[in-house]
Every structure is written in C-alpha cells, then in structure tokens.
Protein backbone atom coordinates (compact mmCIF):
# COMPACT_ATOMS: atom_id res chain seq x y z
CA MET A 1 50.66 96.25 41.82
CA ILE A 2 53.92 95.39 43.57
CA SER A 3 53.62 92.33 45.74
CA PRO A 4 55.11 92.81 49.22
CA LYS A 5 58.55 91.33 49.69
CA LYS A 6 61.48 91.79 52.02
CA PRO A 7 63.80 94.54 50.72
CA THR A 8 67.36 93.30 50.30
CA LEU A 9 69.44 96.04 48.70
CA THR A 10 72.89 94.54 49.13
CA ARG A 11 76.21 95.84 47.86
CA ARG A 12 76.13 93.23 45.11
CA GLN A 13 72.71 94.41 43.94
CA MET A 14 73.99 97.95 43.87
CA LEU A 15 76.89 96.88 41.69
CA SER A 16 74.43 95.14 39.41
CA LEU A 17 72.28 98.28 39.32
CA MET A 18 75.25 100.12 37.93
CA GLY A 19 75.75 97.61 35.21
CA ALA A 20 79.40 96.78 35.26
CA THR A 21 78.49 93.32 34.21
CA GLY A 22 75.24 93.48 35.36
CA ALA A 23 75.47 99.69 35.20
CA THR A 24 74.86 103.49 38.37
CA ALA A 25 75.21 104.85 41.01
CA ALA A 26 73.57 103.05 43.79
CA LEU A 27 76.84 102.47 45.57
CA VAL A 28 76.30 105.83 47.12
CA ALA A 29 74.84 103.82 49.95
CA CYS A 30 78.39 102.88 50.72
CA GLY A 31 79.43 106.49 50.87
CA ALA A 32 80.06 106.25 47.17
CA THR A 33 80.23 109.09 44.72
CA THR A 34 77.50 107.95 42.40
CA PRO A 35 73.97 106.60 42.50
CA ALA A 36 71.66 103.78 41.35
CA ALA A 37 70.67 101.89 38.34
CA ALA A 38 71.61 100.55 34.93
CA PRO A 39 71.86 96.76 34.63
CA THR A 40 74.12 93.71 34.71
CA ALA A 41 75.34 90.84 36.74
CA VAL A 42 78.42 91.19 38.85
CA PRO A 43 80.33 88.06 39.68
CA ALA A 44 80.65 88.09 43.41
CA THR A 45 80.46 85.58 46.16
CA LYS A 46 78.49 86.90 49.10
CA ALA A 47 77.45 90.51 48.89
CA SER A 48 77.99 92.72 51.88
CA GLU A 49 75.54 95.10 53.38
CA PRO A 50 76.27 98.71 52.40
CA THR A 51 78.69 100.49 54.71
CA LYS A 52 77.26 103.33 56.72
CA ALA A 53 76.66 106.36 54.54
CA PRO A 54 78.13 109.72 55.57
CA GLU A 55 75.75 111.75 57.67
CA ALA A 56 73.36 113.55 55.36
CA THR A 57 71.13 116.52 55.74
CA LYS A 58 68.04 115.72 57.74
CA ALA A 59 65.17 114.66 55.55
CA SER A 60 61.80 116.20 56.04
CA GLU A 61 58.75 114.19 57.04
CA PRO A 62 57.26 111.76 56.27
CA THR A 63 59.73 109.10 57.17
CA LYS A 64 57.01 106.63 58.11
CA ALA A 65 54.73 105.13 55.54
CA PRO A 66 51.16 106.37 55.73
CA GLU A 67 48.30 103.92 55.94
CA ALA A 68 47.60 102.29 52.60
CA THR A 69 44.69 103.88 50.85
CA LYS A 70 42.47 102.71 48.09
CA ALA A 71 44.20 102.97 44.75
CA PRO A 72 42.86 105.91 42.76
CA GLU A 73 40.88 105.06 39.69
CA ALA A 74 42.86 105.18 36.47
CA THR A 75 41.76 107.70 33.92
CA THR A 76 40.41 106.40 30.67
CA ALA A 77 43.25 105.28 28.44
CA PRO A 78 43.60 107.31 25.25
CA THR A 79 42.44 105.60 22.11
CA ALA A 80 45.81 106.09 20.45
CA ALA A 81 49.34 106.30 21.75
CA ALA A 82 50.17 109.78 22.96
CA GLY A 83 52.97 111.55 21.15
CA GLY A 84 55.48 111.28 23.97
CA GLY A 85 55.71 107.54 23.58
CA TYR A 86 52.86 106.81 25.96
CA PRO A 87 51.12 103.54 25.14
CA ALA A 88 47.41 103.63 24.47
CA ASP A 89 46.68 101.05 27.14
CA PHE A 90 48.64 102.72 29.94
CA LYS A 91 46.52 103.24 33.06
CA ALA A 92 47.19 106.88 33.85
CA ARG A 93 46.08 108.17 37.24
CA SER A 94 46.18 111.85 36.33
CA GLU A 95 44.11 114.03 34.04
CA SER A 96 47.29 116.01 33.23
CA TRP A 97 48.23 113.11 30.99
CA LYS A 98 45.75 114.45 28.44
CA ALA A 99 47.73 117.70 28.07
CA LEU A 100 50.43 115.88 26.10
CA PRO A 101 50.26 116.37 22.33
CA SER A 102 49.01 113.31 20.50
CA ASP A 103 50.78 114.34 17.29
CA HIS A 104 54.28 114.84 18.71
CA LYS A 105 57.04 113.07 16.80
CA LYS A 106 60.04 111.72 18.65
CA GLY A 107 63.11 113.92 18.19
CA GLU A 108 61.21 117.17 17.60
CA LEU A 109 62.06 120.01 19.97
CA ILE A 110 59.34 121.10 22.38
CA LYS A 111 60.14 124.69 23.30
CA GLN A 112 60.14 125.60 26.96
CA GLY A 113 57.15 127.92 26.55
CA ASP A 114 55.08 125.20 24.91
CA TRP A 115 56.09 122.77 27.63
CA TYR A 116 55.03 125.23 30.32
CA ALA A 117 51.64 125.52 28.61
CA MET A 118 51.28 121.73 28.90
CA LEU A 119 52.23 121.89 32.58
CA GLY A 120 49.58 124.47 33.36
CA LYS A 121 49.17 125.91 36.83
CA PRO A 122 51.37 124.32 39.54
CA PRO A 123 49.52 121.86 41.79
CA ALA A 124 49.14 122.51 45.49
CA GLU A 125 52.21 120.36 46.12
CA ILE A 126 54.78 118.36 44.15
CA GLU A 127 56.05 115.37 46.11
CA ALA A 128 59.73 114.46 45.69
CA ALA A 129 60.54 111.22 47.54
CA PHE A 130 64.22 110.28 47.38
CA TRP A 131 66.32 107.56 48.91
CA LEU A 132 68.35 109.16 51.71
CA GLU A 133 71.92 107.92 51.33
CA GLY A 134 75.52 109.06 51.15
CA TRP A 135 74.82 111.89 48.73
CA GLY A 136 72.43 113.45 51.21
CA HIS A 137 69.44 115.57 50.21
CA GLY A 138 71.20 118.85 49.63
CA TRP A 139 71.09 118.46 45.86
CA VAL A 140 67.46 117.28 45.95
CA LYS A 141 66.45 120.43 47.82
CA ASP A 142 68.53 122.60 45.52
CA VAL A 143 66.67 121.26 42.47
CA ALA A 144 63.38 121.91 44.26
CA GLU A 145 64.49 125.49 44.89
CA GLN A 146 65.28 125.97 41.21
CA LEU A 147 61.85 124.69 40.17
CA GLU A 148 60.06 126.87 42.72
CA LYS A 149 62.00 129.92 41.56
CA GLU A 150 61.11 129.23 37.92
CA HIS A 151 57.40 128.64 38.54
CA ALA A 152 55.60 131.15 40.72
CA GLY A 153 53.45 129.42 43.31
CA ALA A 154 55.08 126.01 42.92
CA LYS A 155 55.79 124.11 46.14
CA VAL A 156 57.96 120.99 46.27
CA LYS A 157 57.77 118.73 49.31
CA VAL A 158 61.10 116.91 49.65
CA TRP A 159 61.43 113.94 51.96
CA GLY A 160 63.57 110.86 52.18
CA ASP A 161 64.34 107.70 54.06
CA PRO A 162 67.43 105.44 54.22
CA ARG A 163 65.08 102.51 53.53
CA ILE A 164 62.55 104.25 51.33
CA TRP A 165 61.57 100.98 49.63
CA GLU A 166 60.06 99.87 52.96
CA THR A 167 58.47 103.22 53.76
CA LEU A 168 56.78 103.48 50.36
CA GLN A 169 55.76 99.84 50.02
CA PRO A 170 52.18 100.22 51.35
CA ARG A 171 51.63 103.33 49.27
CA LEU A 172 52.88 101.75 46.05
CA VAL A 173 50.64 98.74 46.62
CA ALA A 174 47.71 101.10 47.11
CA GLY A 175 48.52 103.14 44.02
CA ASP A 176 49.40 106.26 46.00
CA VAL A 177 52.59 107.17 44.14
CA PRO A 178 54.87 110.22 44.69
CA ASP A 179 55.46 112.55 41.76
CA VAL A 180 59.22 112.08 41.39
CA GLY A 181 62.04 110.35 43.17
CA ARG A 182 64.67 107.70 43.32
CA LEU A 183 65.03 104.04 44.28
CA TRP A 184 61.49 103.32 45.46
CA ILE A 185 61.79 99.56 44.94
CA SER A 186 64.61 97.32 46.15
CA GLY A 187 65.94 94.27 44.39
CA GLY A 188 68.00 95.70 41.56
CA GLN A 189 67.11 96.09 37.92
CA ALA A 190 64.64 93.23 37.83
CA ALA A 191 62.56 94.95 40.52
CA GLN A 192 62.75 98.28 38.69
CA ILE A 193 61.41 96.58 35.57
CA ALA A 194 58.61 95.11 37.66
CA GLY A 195 57.77 98.66 38.69
CA THR A 196 57.14 99.58 35.08
CA VAL A 197 54.94 96.54 34.53
CA ASP A 198 52.94 97.26 37.67
CA GLY A 199 52.29 100.86 36.69
CA VAL A 200 54.33 102.54 39.41
CA TYR A 201 56.15 104.77 36.92
CA VAL A 202 55.18 106.66 33.79
CA PRO A 203 57.26 106.54 30.61
CA VAL A 204 59.23 109.76 30.15
CA ASP A 205 60.03 109.66 26.43
CA ILE A 206 58.54 113.08 25.77
CA LEU A 207 60.82 114.69 28.35
CA LEU A 208 63.84 113.91 26.15
CA ASP A 209 62.48 116.33 23.56
CA VAL A 210 61.72 119.23 25.91
CA GLU A 211 64.08 122.21 25.74
CA ALA A 212 66.89 121.89 28.28
CA PRO A 213 66.98 124.46 31.10
CA SER A 214 69.09 127.53 30.25
CA GLN A 215 70.13 126.02 26.90
CA PRO A 216 67.81 127.49 24.27
CA GLY A 217 67.19 125.35 21.21
CA LYS A 218 68.62 122.14 22.71
CA ARG A 219 66.50 119.11 23.42
CA LEU A 220 67.14 117.69 26.89
CA GLU A 221 68.52 114.48 25.38
CA GLU A 222 71.18 116.51 23.57
CA VAL A 223 72.71 117.80 26.80
CA LEU A 224 72.81 114.41 28.51
CA ALA A 225 76.03 112.38 28.63
CA ASP A 226 76.67 109.98 25.76
CA GLY A 227 75.09 106.62 26.46
CA SER A 228 73.37 107.76 29.65
CA VAL A 229 69.81 107.57 28.31
CA LYS A 230 70.38 104.07 27.04
CA ALA A 231 72.02 103.04 30.31
CA ALA A 232 68.99 104.30 32.23
CA SER A 233 66.59 102.30 30.05
CA MET A 234 67.23 99.13 32.09
CA GLY A 235 67.53 97.19 28.86
CA ILE A 236 64.00 98.07 27.76
CA SER A 237 64.10 99.48 24.25
CA GLU A 238 60.40 100.21 23.61
CA ARG A 239 60.20 103.38 25.72
CA GLN A 240 62.07 105.31 28.40
CA TRP A 241 60.87 104.50 31.92
CA ALA A 242 63.66 106.14 33.92
CA MET A 243 66.18 108.93 33.54
CA PRO A 244 69.89 108.97 34.37
CA PHE A 245 71.22 110.82 37.37
CA ALA A 246 74.95 110.55 37.98
CA GLN A 247 77.63 108.86 35.99
CA THR A 248 79.67 106.11 37.55
CA GLN A 249 82.99 105.25 35.95
CA MET A 250 84.62 101.95 36.80
CA GLY A 251 87.94 100.38 36.01
CA ILE A 252 91.47 100.57 37.40
CA TYR A 253 92.43 103.17 39.97
CA TYR A 254 96.17 103.70 40.15
CA ASN A 255 98.50 105.60 42.49
CA ALA A 256 99.31 108.63 40.34
CA ALA A 257 102.34 109.82 42.35
CA MET A 258 103.82 106.32 42.46
CA PHE A 259 103.40 105.84 38.71
CA GLU A 260 104.92 109.25 37.97
CA LYS A 261 107.88 108.70 40.31
CA ASN A 262 108.71 105.35 38.70
CA LYS A 263 107.91 106.55 35.17
CA TRP A 264 105.30 103.84 34.74
CA PRO A 265 102.76 104.59 31.99
CA GLN A 266 99.05 104.93 32.67
CA PRO A 267 97.55 101.42 32.28
CA ASP A 268 95.26 102.12 29.33
CA THR A 269 98.11 103.62 27.27
CA LEU A 270 99.41 100.04 27.04
CA SER A 271 98.08 96.92 25.36
CA TRP A 272 96.86 94.21 27.74
CA GLU A 273 99.94 92.18 26.91
CA ASP A 274 102.29 95.06 27.80
CA PHE A 275 100.18 95.83 30.85
CA LEU A 276 101.00 92.37 32.20
CA LYS A 277 104.69 93.13 31.67
CA LEU A 278 104.23 96.29 33.74
CA HIS A 279 103.03 94.04 36.58
CA GLU A 280 106.45 92.40 36.58
CA GLU A 281 108.18 95.77 36.79
CA ILE A 282 105.96 96.91 39.68
CA ALA A 283 106.59 93.67 41.56
CA LYS A 284 110.37 94.03 41.08
CA ALA A 285 110.13 97.43 42.80
CA GLY A 286 108.82 95.61 45.88
CA ILE A 287 105.24 96.83 45.49
CA ALA A 288 102.12 94.68 45.06
CA PRO A 289 100.61 95.52 41.66
CA TRP A 290 97.08 94.95 42.99
CA THR A 291 94.96 94.99 46.08
CA TYR A 292 91.24 94.20 45.99
CA GLN A 293 88.10 93.89 48.09
CA GLY A 294 88.83 90.26 48.98
CA LYS A 295 85.58 89.26 50.66
CA TYR A 296 83.71 90.66 47.67
CA PRO A 297 85.71 89.47 44.65
CA GLY A 298 83.04 90.73 42.26
CA TYR A 299 85.00 93.96 42.07
CA PHE A 300 87.35 92.24 39.62
CA ASP A 301 84.39 92.06 37.29
CA LEU A 302 85.09 95.75 36.71
CA VAL A 303 88.18 94.50 34.88
CA VAL A 304 86.91 91.34 33.22
CA THR A 305 83.70 92.67 31.65
CA PRO A 306 85.47 95.46 29.72
CA LEU A 307 88.18 92.96 28.82
CA ILE A 308 85.61 90.52 27.40
CA TYR A 309 84.17 93.34 25.30
CA LYS A 310 87.56 94.61 24.14
CA LYS A 311 88.75 91.13 23.17
CA ALA A 312 85.53 89.60 21.82
CA GLY A 313 83.52 92.61 20.66
CA GLN A 314 79.96 93.81 21.13
CA LYS A 315 78.29 90.84 19.42
CA ALA A 316 79.83 88.47 21.91
CA MET A 317 78.34 90.51 24.77
CA CYS A 318 74.93 90.37 23.08
CA ASP A 319 75.19 86.62 22.53
CA ILE A 320 75.70 86.12 26.27
CA ASP A 321 72.69 88.26 27.17
CA ASN A 322 70.54 86.71 24.42
CA LEU A 323 71.25 83.16 25.68
CA VAL A 324 72.87 82.14 22.41
CA GLU A 325 74.15 78.59 22.62
CA GLY A 326 77.95 78.49 22.88
CA ALA A 327 78.27 82.19 23.83
CA TRP A 328 80.36 81.39 26.90
CA LYS A 329 82.55 79.03 24.87
CA ASN A 330 83.58 81.79 22.47
CA PRO A 331 87.41 81.52 22.49
CA ASP A 332 87.77 85.28 22.95
CA VAL A 333 85.42 85.25 25.94
CA MET A 334 87.32 82.37 27.49
CA TRP A 335 90.65 84.14 26.88
CA ALA A 336 89.42 87.24 28.71
CA LEU A 337 88.16 85.16 31.63
CA GLU A 338 91.50 83.36 31.88
CA GLN A 339 93.38 86.63 32.40
CA MET A 340 91.97 87.07 35.91
CA PRO A 341 93.44 83.91 37.54
CA THR A 342 96.69 84.70 35.71
CA ILE A 343 96.99 87.86 37.81
CA PHE A 344 96.39 85.90 41.01
CA LYS A 345 98.61 82.90 40.37
CA SER A 346 101.47 85.22 39.38
CA GLY A 347 101.62 86.63 42.90
CA TRP A 348 100.57 90.12 41.81
CA VAL A 349 97.93 90.60 44.50
CA PHE A 350 98.65 92.04 47.97
CA LYS A 351 99.13 89.19 50.42
CA GLY A 352 96.14 88.77 52.69
CA ALA A 353 93.77 90.87 50.60
CA GLU A 354 91.50 87.87 50.10
CA ALA A 355 90.39 88.12 53.75
CA MET A 356 89.70 91.87 53.66
CA SER A 357 86.46 93.79 53.41
CA HIS A 358 86.00 96.29 50.59
CA THR A 359 87.19 99.25 52.67
CA GLU A 360 90.11 97.29 54.14
CA GLY A 361 91.32 96.21 50.70
CA GLN A 362 90.95 99.74 49.38
CA GLN A 363 92.86 101.10 52.37
CA VAL A 364 95.88 99.09 51.25
CA PHE A 365 95.76 101.12 48.04
CA VAL A 366 95.49 104.57 49.63
CA ASP A 367 98.24 103.61 52.09
CA GLY A 368 100.57 103.13 49.11
CA LYS A 369 101.08 99.39 49.66
CA ALA A 370 99.62 98.43 46.28
CA ALA A 371 99.77 100.24 42.96
CA MET A 372 96.25 99.55 41.69
CA VAL A 373 92.75 98.57 42.78
CA PRO A 374 89.64 97.69 40.74
CA CYS A 375 86.89 100.13 41.72
CA GLY A 376 84.52 102.87 40.65
CA THR A 377 84.17 106.57 41.23
CA TRP A 378 82.72 106.00 44.68
CA LEU A 379 86.25 105.03 45.86
CA GLN A 380 87.40 108.54 46.70
CA ARG A 381 84.38 109.30 48.85
CA GLU A 382 84.33 105.86 50.46
CA GLN A 383 87.93 106.19 51.68
CA GLU A 384 88.08 109.95 52.22
CA ALA A 385 88.27 109.75 56.03
CA THR A 386 91.41 107.59 55.94
CA THR A 387 93.18 108.78 52.78
CA PRO A 388 96.43 110.72 53.32
CA LYS A 389 96.04 114.36 52.26
CA ASP A 390 98.82 114.15 49.67
CA PHE A 391 97.55 110.92 48.07
CA ARG A 392 96.56 111.25 44.41
CA MET A 393 94.50 108.62 42.61
CA LYS A 394 93.52 108.47 38.97
CA LEU A 395 91.17 106.27 36.97
CA SER A 396 92.24 104.27 33.91
CA SER A 397 90.08 102.19 31.62
CA VAL A 398 91.06 98.54 31.22
CA PRO A 399 93.87 98.04 28.64
CA ALA A 400 92.81 96.43 25.37
CA PRO A 401 94.48 93.34 23.85
CA LYS A 402 96.46 93.87 20.66
CA ASP A 403 94.03 91.85 18.54
CA GLY A 404 90.83 92.99 20.24
CA LYS A 405 87.52 93.40 18.41
CA GLY A 406 86.05 96.07 20.71
CA PHE A 407 86.74 99.80 20.98
CA PRO A 408 90.14 100.06 22.75
CA LYS A 409 89.27 102.97 25.05
CA ALA A 410 85.83 101.66 26.04
CA LEU A 411 85.02 102.34 29.67
CA ALA A 412 82.80 100.70 32.23
CA ASN A 413 80.65 103.79 32.58
CA THR A 414 77.04 103.99 33.53
CA ALA A 415 74.39 106.50 34.37
CA ASP A 416 71.96 104.90 36.74
CA ALA A 417 68.25 104.61 36.12
CA ALA A 418 67.63 106.39 39.39
CA LEU A 419 65.23 109.17 38.46
CA VAL A 420 61.65 108.01 38.06
CA VAL A 421 58.37 109.86 37.60
CA GLY A 422 55.47 108.37 39.50
CA ASN A 423 52.18 107.38 37.95
CA GLY A 424 50.34 109.53 40.45
CA LYS A 425 48.75 112.95 40.72
CA ASN A 426 51.27 115.18 38.93
CA PRO A 427 53.41 113.22 36.43
CA LEU A 428 54.16 116.22 34.21
CA TRP A 429 55.42 118.20 37.18
CA GLY A 430 57.47 115.20 38.17
CA MET A 431 59.07 115.44 34.73
CA GLU A 432 59.64 119.16 35.21
CA TYR A 433 61.52 118.41 38.41
CA VAL A 434 63.69 115.91 36.52
CA ARG A 435 64.34 118.51 33.81
CA TRP A 436 65.88 120.87 36.38
CA VAL A 437 68.13 118.12 37.66
CA TYR A 438 70.13 118.65 34.45
CA SER A 439 70.78 122.35 34.95
CA ALA A 440 74.34 123.73 35.05
CA ARG A 441 73.73 124.76 38.65
CA THR A 442 72.92 121.18 39.68
CA ALA A 443 75.95 119.81 37.83
CA LYS A 444 78.24 122.23 39.67
CA TYR A 445 76.63 121.36 42.99
CA ILE A 446 77.07 117.61 42.41
CA ALA A 447 80.72 118.04 41.37
CA GLU A 448 81.76 120.29 44.23
CA GLN A 449 79.49 119.37 47.11
CA VAL A 450 79.06 115.64 46.47
CA GLY A 451 82.16 114.74 44.46
CA GLY A 452 80.26 113.09 41.61
CA MET A 453 79.45 113.70 37.97
CA LEU A 454 75.95 114.47 36.78
CA ALA A 455 74.96 112.61 33.61
CA VAL A 456 75.37 115.62 31.33
CA GLN A 457 77.81 116.42 28.55
CA GLU A 458 79.64 119.05 30.60
CA PRO A 459 79.47 117.95 34.25
CA LEU A 460 82.32 120.14 35.53
CA VAL A 461 81.58 123.59 34.09
CA GLY A 462 82.60 126.16 36.67
CA ALA A 463 83.47 123.50 39.23
CA THR A 464 86.78 122.97 41.05
CA VAL A 465 87.65 119.27 41.30
CA ASN A 466 90.66 117.03 41.95
CA ASP A 467 92.72 114.63 39.81
CA ALA A 468 90.45 111.67 40.50
CA VAL A 469 87.38 113.39 39.06
CA LYS A 470 89.33 114.94 36.18
CA SER A 471 90.72 111.55 35.19
CA ALA A 472 87.22 110.07 35.17
CA VAL A 473 86.01 112.84 32.86
CA ALA A 474 89.00 112.25 30.58
CA ALA A 475 88.25 108.52 30.47
CA VAL A 476 84.64 109.23 29.49
CA LYS A 477 85.72 111.49 26.63
CA ALA A 478 88.25 108.94 25.40
CA ALA A 479 85.58 106.21 25.41
CA GLU A 480 83.51 108.13 22.84
CA GLY A 481 80.29 106.54 24.08
CA HIS A 482 81.56 102.94 24.10
CA TYR A 483 80.43 101.48 27.42
CA PRO A 484 80.64 97.70 27.84
CA THR A 485 77.55 96.42 29.59
CA SER A 486 76.08 93.00 30.25
CA TYR A 487 72.52 92.31 31.39
CA TYR A 488 72.33 88.54 31.83
CA GLY A 489 72.59 88.58 35.64
CA ALA A 490 69.64 90.96 36.00
CA TRP A 491 67.52 89.34 33.31
CA TYR A 492 68.30 85.77 34.36
CA PRO A 493 69.28 85.71 38.06
CA ASP A 494 70.14 82.01 38.05
CA MET A 495 72.92 82.70 35.54
CA GLY A 496 74.20 85.54 37.70
CA LYS A 497 74.19 83.19 40.69
CA VAL A 498 76.31 80.62 38.86
CA MET A 499 78.93 83.26 38.10
CA GLY A 500 78.71 84.85 41.54
CA ASP A 501 79.01 81.60 43.46
CA ALA A 502 82.10 80.51 41.53
CA TRP A 503 83.91 83.80 41.03
CA GLY A 504 86.04 83.91 44.19
CA ASP A 505 87.28 80.35 43.73
CA TYR A 506 87.81 81.02 40.05
CA LEU A 507 90.13 83.95 40.70
CA TRP A 508 92.30 81.79 42.93
CA GLY A 509 92.40 78.89 40.46
CA LYS A 510 90.17 76.51 42.39
CA VAL A 511 87.73 76.48 39.47
CA ASN A 512 89.06 76.43 35.92
CA VAL A 513 87.69 78.29 32.91
CA LYS A 514 86.28 75.11 31.33
CA ASP A 515 84.22 74.21 34.38
CA LEU A 516 83.07 77.80 34.85
CA THR A 517 81.90 78.19 31.27
CA ASP A 518 80.36 74.69 31.28
CA ASN A 519 78.20 75.73 34.22
CA LEU A 520 77.30 79.04 32.62
CA GLU A 521 76.32 77.29 29.39
CA ARG A 522 74.17 74.89 31.41
CA ALA A 523 72.44 77.78 33.20
CA ALA A 524 71.88 79.58 29.90
CA LYS A 525 70.34 76.43 28.41
CA GLU A 526 67.99 76.05 31.35
CA ALA A 527 66.88 79.68 31.03
CA ARG A 528 66.53 79.36 27.26
CA GLU A 529 64.31 76.30 27.55
CA ASP A 530 62.23 77.41 30.53
CA SER A 531 58.96 78.72 29.10
CA THR A 532 58.05 80.34 32.42
CA ILE A 533 60.97 82.77 32.15
CA LYS A 534 60.29 85.90 30.13
CA LYS A 535 63.04 86.38 27.54
CA ILE A 536 64.45 89.80 26.73
CA THR A 537 66.22 90.34 23.44
CA ARG A 538 69.19 92.66 23.28
CA THR A 539 69.43 94.48 19.96
CA ASP A 540 72.53 96.71 20.24
CA CYS A 541 74.75 94.00 18.81
CA GLN A 542 76.86 95.80 16.21
C-alpha cells in the first residue's frame, strides 16, 4: 500500500495537478474557483503554500484518523476482465464487484434501471470523504442529498478535512478506504498514479457508459465536457481511474472595461505577432501591459505552454513528454520559449511585480494598474475581497502565431482528476455518488454558489453568472476540445525541477534559451537512460 510520507501539497503541485504544463482544479486551496488534478509540470521557482481558503461549511466528523486496522482480505479476482474495464488481477475488497456484467462492451449504454439492479440494496452507510478547501462542502452535501432522495434508505456520511491526506494516511495503509472522495493523497499526479498501483482506487470505466442522471438515453461520458475524461486520466490510457470534477480554464485575463474604452481587441482575436504590437499601444497609453505573480513566475507557463503547442503542434508536445532526443531543440519550441523574455526585456511588465506574491501581483491587475495577468479561473474568487465592485475581467486564450501548427483557439483547460472511488466496501455506490455529481442541479449549484464550472457540456444551464465565467465558457467552446497539456514534469520530476529552478531567471534574461534547452535535453537524456525510472508513453500525438 501507500508508504507513509510527509504531505507537501504546495501551490506549485496544485498547478501541476491542473496540467497547464504539467492540468484541475486543486488551486481551490487558494480560494480558487476550481479543483484538483490533471497533469503537467509548471515552470516555477519556489512554490508557495496555499493561501488561506475562504471559510467553508463545517465538515462532519471524523476529522481525526481512526486507528489503522488490518487490511480487509481481497476478494478472489475474477478469471477474466470484467466488462467495465476491470482487470482480472485487480484485488477487489468488495463482493459488489461481482455484480458488474462480464460481457459489457465499452461504449454501450447501461440504462439507469439496469444500473440500479447492479447496485442492489443501499448499504448501511456510504462514506464520502472530501478535501475541505475553498469550495467548501456545500456541494458535496447537496450531491449526497440527491442520491439519498433517489434511493430510498440510502445514507451518505459526508466528512472532510483541510489536510485529508494526513487524516486518511493510516487508513489507506491499512486498506480501510472510503467509498468516494477527493484528493486523498498529496504529492500531485505522481502520487495519484501511485494510488492506482497500490490499489487505493478502483477503475471507473463502466461508469462512463451508465445513463446520465435526468438525461434519458445518454451515456454519462456524453454529457461530460470535451476532453475532461482524458484530462482526468492522469496520462494513463489503459483504463479510467479518476473522474473529472470542475473545469479550470487558464490563459490571459484582461481588463474588459479598459480594453473596451481604448478600443483594444481581445487578445486571442489577434495573431501573436499583432498581439506584441498591442503591447506597444498599451504602454504608450501609460499602462503596464502585464502584471504577474512575481515570486511564483510559473504562472507565465500558462502563456508559454499553449504558445509552444500553437507554434510547434501536438507532436512536439508529445516528443517532449516521450523523452525524444532533440525535442527541446525543436526550433518552434525554442521560438515559443523566447517570447517570454521578450515581454520582460521590453519593459511591458509592471515595475516591482517580480517581488510580489501571487495575490499582490493580481491585485495590481484588479486595481487597474496593468491591463493583463496570466492566471486561471480561480482568479476571481481569489481576489474577490479586494476587487472593486465595478471591475470586469474576461479570459482570453493565448494568441496563436501566424505560421503555427496547432489549433489557433486551443485553450489551457483542464478538468481535474479529483473524483475517485475507493477500493473499499461499496465501490458501486461510490460510482453512483459520482454519477449524481454530474446532474444539472449540481452544475447550477457550482456555478452560482461556488463560482466554478462543472466538467459537463452545459455547466451554466439556469445559472446567473458574470462576465468572467461567461468568457471562460466562450473560450472553451472556441477551443473545440483542443487543450494543450504537457506531462513531463509529473512523469519525470527531475525534468520539471530543471525548468522550475531556471524559469524565474529565464524570464528576466539571466538564463538564455540555449542554456535552458541544453539543461532540459540533459535531464531528458538522464531520464531516458535511467532503467530505474518507469517510462510512460504518450500516444495522443496527432
């Protein structure tokens, strides 16, 4: 099982969970508007600890970990893979596992009635253990209420902890696993993958084929946001070990009123080349084009990763993740990297931002002292206490170069791999809880009460939201499922460290692109040739 280790869920790890260059939603710990998980490395120097999350609803007991108990005996593994994608050698701890059809074919609809027959009678209690963070537990309890209303006699026990990875550690080691929850293991995507290897979670492939709640005839996968299932896979293509929760969109936030007043076009309506010319116009108006989270320069990765994809194309992203020799020396990759120090050496960054924390740098933006800031959809919630009431922000994807090989409107968008079903007493009921997360009622609750976007096709039906959320939805639709993602930092931490350690100095021109890519090539070579490092092959390369 999981070997004990000190939990260290830093802001950088949360960024990497969301997969900007390393995917979702875990920045909620910072009071963000989205949660945890999909993969990639984020260039950053030192990562900060998460800022204090807004006060959430009080979580029910237990908040302390119970004494570790003897791990329950695994049931006998089936002789053949179960139809839901369950491997024959998986050590299931529940007899309910056997209720799954062995002849199910992936992609075939399982009607709600048939699914309920598989579920059988509700257990005495369904345990939902969720990380207690900035989103609170209101939505968790609301999902529990929906499930209890649907199934007579069902009882869901909801509890949470701000450091749930510590609370649950003894139980996970002992094999005493909750039925459903979120962020049980700290350490980013690599730790989540370890959880699958150690048997903490069950694969949930079959859930994708179950009829969606209140949408007759539609498989659950069909109502989920484009790309969200893949983003939640943590780069594992064999089967689905986690499900998406909220979408996190990342890119360029701009001052909508300022742009409209000066008749400046939205950034992603321009080519990258014309976007740089816009910088000159903004600067002439006496306004800093950019501010940023100076102490944590990895935020500018939210610009450079999409730019690498848009210039060099998907294959180039795959080559980097697959440790292909020369991947970092690709001229298009180097061109995209060079654009970042160009912004800094041109004097287009708010003076003094380099010494600011993330919230201080972002405050410059909401105070109207800078036109743009690199960030994600957690920005609005993170700065809500200090944002002027009449301030309007909108999200833009990163402009594409004129000769780019990638999809021009691609967006750094991820749905975190936050929802997991435990390999414990009631895995099928854990899946049923997850199924109700994707109801229209939950989507409306998340949009209005939390300020986020559930990972479904229509996250705002019936909801009243502001310009910031509307612009994020528009950016998602324009992207048409093209979401630049890189996994190398999660798969090969030493490579991520090389980028992270150099990134701040690189932005300010203290490290040049040749030296940076030389070091990245060296780290890739060491990983490639180290037989002790498990290699993961990325296949979505077209």
